[in-house]
């Protein structure tokens, strides 16, 4: 089994789908005069915001990202930590397992959307989108995590909810665990382990 459990954030630890999509719909209506449907935005979950905006033809992605983040404030109350996440993290902390985060959120988004939930003390190391030039589905963020944490690829497993997470883990030579509680497309994602609840993660540690 594994010595280090690495988690994605959105769709794995916290449910941000409503906030992220609603704020983007509002922005795109202003930017391109079109409001994409809810399912049309499914692909955005798991990739950096600026990549999403480029795919919609938004040119000034830096300024647009700031406005998108500002829009999210209106929907922040919809964000919640998934059931059993904190319990799982507490139990991992009392074990000998290492823990970490690898997220497509940049540092500002991590500060705004995740840190207020008080979960950061449960993690030994983290890598945000601000730390690498290339992002998921490239392996760079996970390889960066291995470098700063000192773990080898075979010692770690990455827990995520999207195909981008799967591809990043595979490219980095790291096992992948699919968070069934957060994924939208469980039948289209290959995983070494499919986890029904966060507590199932505990069965993966040495």
C-alpha atoms as a PDB file:
ATOM      1  CA  UNK A   1       0.000   0.000   0.000  1.00  0.00           C
ATOM      2  CA  UNK A   2       1.078   3.629   0.307  1.00  0.00           C
ATOM      3  CA  UNK A   3       3.145   5.903   2.536  1.00  0.00           C
ATOM      4  CA  UNK A   4       1.724   9.177   1.244  1.00  0.00           C
ATOM      5  CA  UNK A   5      -1.816  10.221   0.326  1.00  0.00           C
ATOM      6  CA  UNK A   6      -2.055  13.215  -2.003  1.00  0.00           C
ATOM      7  CA  UNK A   7      -5.424  14.920  -2.473  1.00  0.00           C
ATOM      8  CA  UNK A   8      -6.938  17.113  -5.133  1.00  0.00           C
ATOM      9  CA  UNK A   9      -9.085  19.933  -3.687  1.00  0.00           C
ATOM     10  CA  UNK A  10     -12.170  20.788  -5.780  1.00  0.00           C
ATOM     11  CA  UNK A  11     -14.511  17.825  -6.111  1.00  0.00           C
ATOM     12  CA  UNK A  12     -12.417  15.792  -3.691  1.00  0.00           C
ATOM     13  CA  UNK A  13     -12.138  17.699  -0.411  1.00  0.00           C
ATOM     14  CA  UNK A  14     -14.628  20.507  -0.996  1.00  0.00           C
ATOM     15  CA  UNK A  15     -17.669  20.848  -3.253  1.00  0.00           C
ATOM     16  CA  UNK A  16     -17.214  24.075  -5.217  1.00  0.00           C
ATOM     17  CA  UNK A  17     -19.105  23.173  -8.392  1.00  0.00           C
ATOM     18  CA  UNK A  18     -22.085  25.499  -7.933  1.00  0.00           C
ATOM     19  CA  UNK A  19     -19.923  28.487  -6.980  1.00  0.00           C
ATOM     20  CA  UNK A  20     -17.413  28.018  -9.792  1.00  0.00           C
ATOM     21  CA  UNK A  21     -19.961  27.423 -12.541  1.00  0.00           C
ATOM     22  CA  UNK A  22     -22.412  30.165 -11.563  1.00  0.00           C
ATOM     23  CA  UNK A  23     -19.618  32.727 -11.285  1.00  0.00           C
ATOM     24  CA  UNK A  24     -18.273  31.693 -14.694  1.00  0.00           C
ATOM     25  CA  UNK A  25     -21.680  31.847 -16.360  1.00  0.00           C
ATOM     26  CA  UNK A  26     -22.005  35.417 -15.122  1.00  0.00           C
ATOM     27  CA  UNK A  27     -18.543  36.346 -16.386  1.00  0.00           C
ATOM     28  CA  UNK A  28     -18.972  34.764 -19.824  1.00  0.00           C
ATOM     29  CA  UNK A  29     -22.286  36.516 -20.336  1.00  0.00           C
ATOM     30  CA  UNK A  30     -20.395  39.782 -19.917  1.00  0.00           C
ATOM     31  CA  UNK A  31     -17.283  38.723 -21.863  1.00  0.00           C
ATOM     32  CA  UNK A  32     -18.641  36.803 -24.855  1.00  0.00           C
ATOM     33  CA  UNK A  33     -22.375  37.534 -24.568  1.00  0.00           C
ATOM     34  CA  UNK A  34     -23.161  33.861 -24.033  1.00  0.00           C
ATOM     35  CA  UNK A  35     -24.122  31.851 -20.978  1.00  0.00           C
ATOM     36  CA  UNK A  36     -22.996  28.222 -21.436  1.00  0.00           C
ATOM     37  CA  UNK A  37     -25.256  25.513 -20.073  1.00  0.00           C
ATOM     38  CA  UNK A  38     -24.502  23.780 -16.775  1.00  0.00           C
ATOM     39  CA  UNK A  39     -23.310  20.557 -18.407  1.00  0.00           C
ATOM     40  CA  UNK A  40     -21.294  22.485 -20.997  1.00  0.00           C
ATOM     41  CA  UNK A  41     -19.141  23.659 -18.098  1.00  0.00           C
ATOM     42  CA  UNK A  42     -18.403  20.188 -16.730  1.00  0.00           C
ATOM     43  CA  UNK A  43     -14.990  20.144 -18.410  1.00  0.00           C
ATOM     44  CA  UNK A  44     -13.754  23.123 -16.366  1.00  0.00           C
ATOM     45  CA  UNK A  45     -13.658  21.151 -13.121  1.00  0.00           C
ATOM     46  CA  UNK A  46     -10.046  20.241 -12.488  1.00  0.00           C
ATOM     47  CA  UNK A  47      -8.112  22.650 -14.720  1.00  0.00           C
ATOM     48  CA  UNK A  48      -6.753  26.155 -13.995  1.00  0.00           C
ATOM     49  CA  UNK A  49      -9.125  29.056 -14.508  1.00  0.00           C
ATOM     50  CA  UNK A  50      -6.998  30.784 -17.146  1.00  0.00           C
ATOM     51  CA  UNK A  51      -6.996  27.604 -19.249  1.00  0.00           C
ATOM     52  CA  UNK A  52     -10.795  27.515 -19.040  1.00  0.00           C
ATOM     53  CA  UNK A  53     -11.098  31.142 -20.138  1.00  0.00           C
ATOM     54  CA  UNK A  54      -8.780  30.589 -23.105  1.00  0.00           C
ATOM     55  CA  UNK A  55     -10.999  27.723 -24.282  1.00  0.00           C
ATOM     56  CA  UNK A  56     -13.946  30.155 -24.363  1.00  0.00           C
ATOM     57  CA  UNK A  57     -11.953  32.669 -26.373  1.00  0.00           C
ATOM     58  CA  UNK A  58     -11.446  35.174 -23.559  1.00  0.00           C
ATOM     59  CA  UNK A  59      -8.289  37.126 -24.355  1.00  0.00           C
ATOM     60  CA  UNK A  60      -7.361  39.049 -21.204  1.00  0.00           C
ATOM     61  CA  UNK A  61      -7.373  35.993 -18.995  1.00  0.00           C
ATOM     62  CA  UNK A  62      -5.594  37.626 -16.045  1.00  0.00           C
ATOM     63  CA  UNK A  63      -8.191  40.369 -15.617  1.00  0.00           C
ATOM     64  CA  UNK A  64     -11.047  37.980 -16.420  1.00  0.00           C
ATOM     65  CA  UNK A  65      -9.787  35.517 -13.786  1.00  0.00           C
ATOM     66  CA  UNK A  66      -9.853  38.253 -11.173  1.00  0.00           C
ATOM     67  CA  UNK A  67     -13.435  39.123 -12.087  1.00  0.00           C
ATOM     68  CA  UNK A  68     -14.401  35.445 -12.047  1.00  0.00           C
ATOM     69  CA  UNK A  69     -12.951  35.121  -8.549  1.00  0.00           C
ATOM     70  CA  UNK A  70     -14.783  38.286  -7.486  1.00  0.00           C
ATOM     71  CA  UNK A  71     -18.045  36.818  -8.810  1.00  0.00           C
ATOM     72  CA  UNK A  72     -17.518  33.721  -6.661  1.00  0.00           C
ATOM     73  CA  UNK A  73     -17.979  35.760  -3.486  1.00  0.00           C
ATOM     74  CA  UNK A  74     -21.700  35.912  -4.294  1.00  0.00           C
ATOM     75  CA  UNK A  75     -21.937  32.104  -4.134  1.00  0.00           C
ATOM     76  CA  UNK A  76     -19.418  31.252  -1.411  1.00  0.00           C
ATOM     77  CA  UNK A  77     -22.097  30.010   0.974  1.00  0.00           C
ATOM     78  CA  UNK A  78     -22.765  27.105  -1.407  1.00  0.00           C
ATOM     79  CA  UNK A  79     -19.266  25.657  -0.836  1.00  0.00           C
ATOM     80  CA  UNK A  80     -18.945  22.856   1.699  1.00  0.00           C
ATOM     81  CA  UNK A  81     -16.511  20.205   2.866  1.00  0.00           C
ATOM     82  CA  UNK A  82     -17.597  16.721   1.808  1.00  0.00           C
ATOM     83  CA  UNK A  83     -18.895  14.412   4.536  1.00  0.00           C
ATOM     84  CA  UNK A  84     -16.213  12.445   6.411  1.00  0.00           C
ATOM     85  CA  UNK A  85     -13.322  14.462   4.941  1.00  0.00           C
ATOM     86  CA  UNK A  86     -12.218  16.036   8.207  1.00  0.00           C
ATOM     87  CA  UNK A  87     -12.657  12.751  10.066  1.00  0.00           C
ATOM     88  CA  UNK A  88     -10.491  11.013   7.467  1.00  0.00           C
ATOM     89  CA  UNK A  89      -7.813  13.702   7.624  1.00  0.00           C
ATOM     90  CA  UNK A  90      -7.688  13.530  11.412  1.00  0.00           C
ATOM     91  CA  UNK A  91      -7.166   9.767  11.284  1.00  0.00           C
ATOM     92  CA  UNK A  92      -4.483  10.114   8.621  1.00  0.00           C
ATOM     93  CA  UNK A  93      -2.725  12.671  10.794  1.00  0.00           C
ATOM     94  CA  UNK A  94      -2.529  10.201  13.677  1.00  0.00           C
ATOM     95  CA  UNK A  95      -1.078   7.526  11.370  1.00  0.00           C
ATOM     96  CA  UNK A  96       2.442   7.481   9.950  1.00  0.00           C
ATOM     97  CA  UNK A  97       1.193   8.353   6.478  1.00  0.00           C
ATOM     98  CA  UNK A  98       2.327  11.540   4.772  1.00  0.00           C
ATOM     99  CA  UNK A  99      -0.332  13.828   3.365  1.00  0.00           C
ATOM    100  CA  UNK A 100      -0.412  16.458   0.668  1.00  0.00           C
ATOM    101  CA  UNK A 101      -2.398  18.599  -1.727  1.00  0.00           C
ATOM    102  CA  UNK A 102      -1.935  19.025  -5.463  1.00  0.00           C
ATOM    103  CA  UNK A 103      -4.515  21.416  -6.896  1.00  0.00           C
ATOM    104  CA  UNK A 104      -5.290  23.376 -10.049  1.00  0.00           C
ATOM    105  CA  UNK A 105      -6.198  26.329  -7.862  1.00  0.00           C
ATOM    106  CA  UNK A 106      -3.575  29.051  -7.877  1.00  0.00           C
ATOM    107  CA  UNK A 107      -2.302  30.397  -4.562  1.00  0.00           C
ATOM    108  CA  UNK A 108      -4.854  33.213  -4.378  1.00  0.00           C
ATOM    109  CA  UNK A 109      -7.744  30.834  -5.084  1.00  0.00           C
ATOM    110  CA  UNK A 110      -6.413  28.379  -2.515  1.00  0.00           C
ATOM    111  CA  UNK A 111      -6.242  31.179   0.046  1.00  0.00           C
ATOM    112  CA  UNK A 112      -9.772  32.352  -0.718  1.00  0.00           C
ATOM    113  CA  UNK A 113     -11.641  29.097  -1.305  1.00  0.00           C
ATOM    114  CA  UNK A 114      -9.925  26.400   0.759  1.00  0.00           C
ATOM    115  CA  UNK A 115      -7.848  27.748   3.623  1.00  0.00           C
ATOM    116  CA  UNK A 116     -10.886  29.280   5.433  1.00  0.00           C
ATOM    117  CA  UNK A 117     -12.171  25.747   6.106  1.00  0.00           C
ATOM    118  CA  UNK A 118      -9.237  25.161   8.455  1.00  0.00           C
ATOM    119  CA  UNK A 119      -8.012  21.945   6.833  1.00  0.00           C
ATOM    120  CA  UNK A 120      -4.505  23.028   5.816  1.00  0.00           C
ATOM    121  CA  UNK A 121      -2.856  21.871   9.084  1.00  0.00           C
ATOM    122  CA  UNK A 122      -3.664  18.282   8.094  1.00  0.00           C
ATOM    123  CA  UNK A 123      -1.289  18.447   5.102  1.00  0.00           C
ATOM    124  CA  UNK A 124       2.487  18.174   5.155  1.00  0.00           C
ATOM    125  CA  UNK A 125       3.120  19.699   1.718  1.00  0.00           C
ATOM    126  CA  UNK A 126       1.135  21.230  -1.122  1.00  0.00           C
ATOM    127  CA  UNK A 127       1.510  22.312  -4.745  1.00  0.00           C
ATOM    128  CA  UNK A 128      -0.818  24.873  -6.320  1.00  0.00           C
ATOM    129  CA  UNK A 129      -1.113  26.040  -9.926  1.00  0.00           C
ATOM    130  CA  UNK A 130       1.186  28.919  -8.976  1.00  0.00           C
ATOM    131  CA  UNK A 131       4.067  26.485  -8.444  1.00  0.00           C
ATOM    132  CA  UNK A 132       4.456  24.957 -11.920  1.00  0.00           C
ATOM    133  CA  UNK A 133       4.432  26.254 -15.486  1.00  0.00           C
ATOM    134  CA  UNK A 134       2.395  23.271 -16.704  1.00  0.00           C
ATOM    135  CA  UNK A 135      -0.675  21.975 -14.904  1.00  0.00           C
ATOM    136  CA  UNK A 136      -2.828  18.853 -14.833  1.00  0.00           C
ATOM    137  CA  UNK A 137      -3.224  16.736 -16.948  1.00  0.00           C
ATOM    138  CA  UNK A 138       0.569  17.127 -17.215  1.00  0.00           C
ATOM    139  CA  UNK A 139       2.487  15.364 -14.429  1.00  0.00           C
ATOM    140  CA  UNK A 140       4.461  18.454 -13.405  1.00  0.00           C
ATOM    141  CA  UNK A 141       2.481  19.338 -10.238  1.00  0.00           C
ATOM    142  CA  UNK A 142       2.721  15.789  -8.880  1.00  0.00           C
ATOM    143  CA  UNK A 143       6.400  15.528  -9.788  1.00  0.00           C
ATOM    144  CA  UNK A 144       6.940  18.829  -7.963  1.00  0.00           C
ATOM    145  CA  UNK A 145       5.180  17.381  -4.939  1.00  0.00           C
ATOM    146  CA  UNK A 146       7.415  14.301  -4.962  1.00  0.00           C
ATOM    147  CA  UNK A 147      10.478  16.539  -5.154  1.00  0.00           C
ATOM    148  CA  UNK A 148       9.541  18.732  -2.191  1.00  0.00           C
ATOM    149  CA  UNK A 149       8.168  15.893  -0.066  1.00  0.00           C
ATOM    150  CA  UNK A 150      10.931  13.360  -0.704  1.00  0.00           C
ATOM    151  CA  UNK A 151       8.547  10.506  -1.523  1.00  0.00           C
ATOM    152  CA  UNK A 152       9.047   8.212  -4.497  1.00  0.00           C
ATOM    153  CA  UNK A 153       6.258   7.766  -7.030  1.00  0.00           C
ATOM    154  CA  UNK A 154       5.551   4.194  -5.954  1.00  0.00           C
ATOM    155  CA  UNK A 155       5.070   5.311  -2.350  1.00  0.00           C
ATOM    156  CA  UNK A 156       2.231   7.717  -3.156  1.00  0.00           C
ATOM    157  CA  UNK A 157      -1.332   7.711  -4.412  1.00  0.00           C
ATOM    158  CA  UNK A 158      -3.254  10.669  -5.784  1.00  0.00           C
ATOM    159  CA  UNK A 159      -6.940  11.002  -4.887  1.00  0.00           C
ATOM    160  CA  UNK A 160      -9.008  13.034  -7.358  1.00  0.00           C
ATOM    161  CA  UNK A 161     -12.299  13.283  -9.198  1.00  0.00           C
ATOM    162  CA  UNK A 162     -11.559  14.136 -12.835  1.00  0.00           C
ATOM    163  CA  UNK A 163      -9.901  12.630 -15.874  1.00  0.00           C
ATOM    164  CA  UNK A 164      -7.267  15.373 -15.575  1.00  0.00           C
ATOM    165  CA  UNK A 165      -6.334  13.936 -12.183  1.00  0.00           C
ATOM    166  CA  UNK A 166      -6.163  10.444 -13.658  1.00  0.00           C
ATOM    167  CA  UNK A 167      -3.913  11.503 -16.530  1.00  0.00           C
ATOM    168  CA  UNK A 168      -1.605  13.527 -14.283  1.00  0.00           C
ATOM    169  CA  UNK A 169      -1.178  10.621 -11.877  1.00  0.00           C
ATOM    170  CA  UNK A 170      -0.522   8.119 -14.653  1.00  0.00           C
ATOM    171  CA  UNK A 171       1.994  10.428 -16.327  1.00  0.00           C
ATOM    172  CA  UNK A 172       3.814  10.863 -13.009  1.00  0.00           C
ATOM    173  CA  UNK A 173       3.874   7.118 -12.357  1.00  0.00           C
ATOM    174  CA  UNK A 174       1.666   7.516  -9.290  1.00  0.00           C
ATOM    175  CA  UNK A 175      -1.323   5.316  -8.442  1.00  0.00           C
ATOM    176  CA  UNK A 176      -4.709   6.986  -8.815  1.00  0.00           C
ATOM    177  CA  UNK A 177      -7.734   6.736  -6.528  1.00  0.00           C
ATOM    178  CA  UNK A 178     -11.067   8.022  -7.860  1.00  0.00           C
ATOM    179  CA  UNK A 179     -13.198   9.965  -5.384  1.00  0.00           C
ATOM    180  CA  UNK A 180     -16.629   8.613  -6.272  1.00  0.00           C
ATOM    181  CA  UNK A 181     -18.288  11.055  -3.865  1.00  0.00           C
ATOM    182  CA  UNK A 182     -17.179  13.996  -6.029  1.00  0.00           C
ATOM    183  CA  UNK A 183     -16.755  12.779  -9.599  1.00  0.00           C
ATOM    184  CA  UNK A 184     -19.322  13.551 -12.283  1.00  0.00           C
ATOM    185  CA  UNK A 185     -18.213  10.848 -14.753  1.00  0.00           C
ATOM    186  CA  UNK A 186     -17.177   7.733 -12.806  1.00  0.00           C
ATOM    187  CA  UNK A 187     -17.605   5.366 -15.762  1.00  0.00           C
ATOM    188  CA  UNK A 188     -15.232   7.302 -18.029  1.00  0.00           C
ATOM    189  CA  UNK A 189     -12.298   7.523 -15.614  1.00  0.00           C
ATOM    190  CA  UNK A 190      -9.817   4.705 -15.080  1.00  0.00           C
ATOM    191  CA  UNK A 191      -8.462   4.274 -11.576  1.00  0.00           C
ATOM    192  CA  UNK A 192      -6.356   1.876  -9.578  1.00  0.00           C
ATOM    193  CA  UNK A 193      -8.854   2.272  -6.738  1.00  0.00           C
ATOM    194  CA  UNK A 194     -12.445   3.525  -6.751  1.00  0.00           C
ATOM    195  CA  UNK A 195     -13.337   4.949  -3.366  1.00  0.00           C
ATOM    196  CA  UNK A 196     -16.968   5.244  -2.292  1.00  0.00           C
ATOM    197  CA  UNK A 197     -16.348   7.478   0.715  1.00  0.00           C
ATOM    198  CA  UNK A 198     -13.368   9.446   2.057  1.00  0.00           C
ATOM    199  CA  UNK A 199     -12.988   6.920   4.863  1.00  0.00           C
ATOM    200  CA  UNK A 200     -12.059   4.289   2.256  1.00  0.00           C
ATOM    201  CA  UNK A 201      -8.767   6.181   1.862  1.00  0.00           C
ATOM    202  CA  UNK A 202      -7.675   4.764   5.228  1.00  0.00           C
ATOM    203  CA  UNK A 203      -7.507   1.284   3.710  1.00  0.00           C
ATOM    204  CA  UNK A 204      -4.756   2.479   1.376  1.00  0.00           C
ATOM    205  CA  UNK A 205      -2.105   3.370   3.949  1.00  0.00           C
ATOM    206  CA  UNK A 206       0.691   1.150   5.180  1.00  0.00           C
END
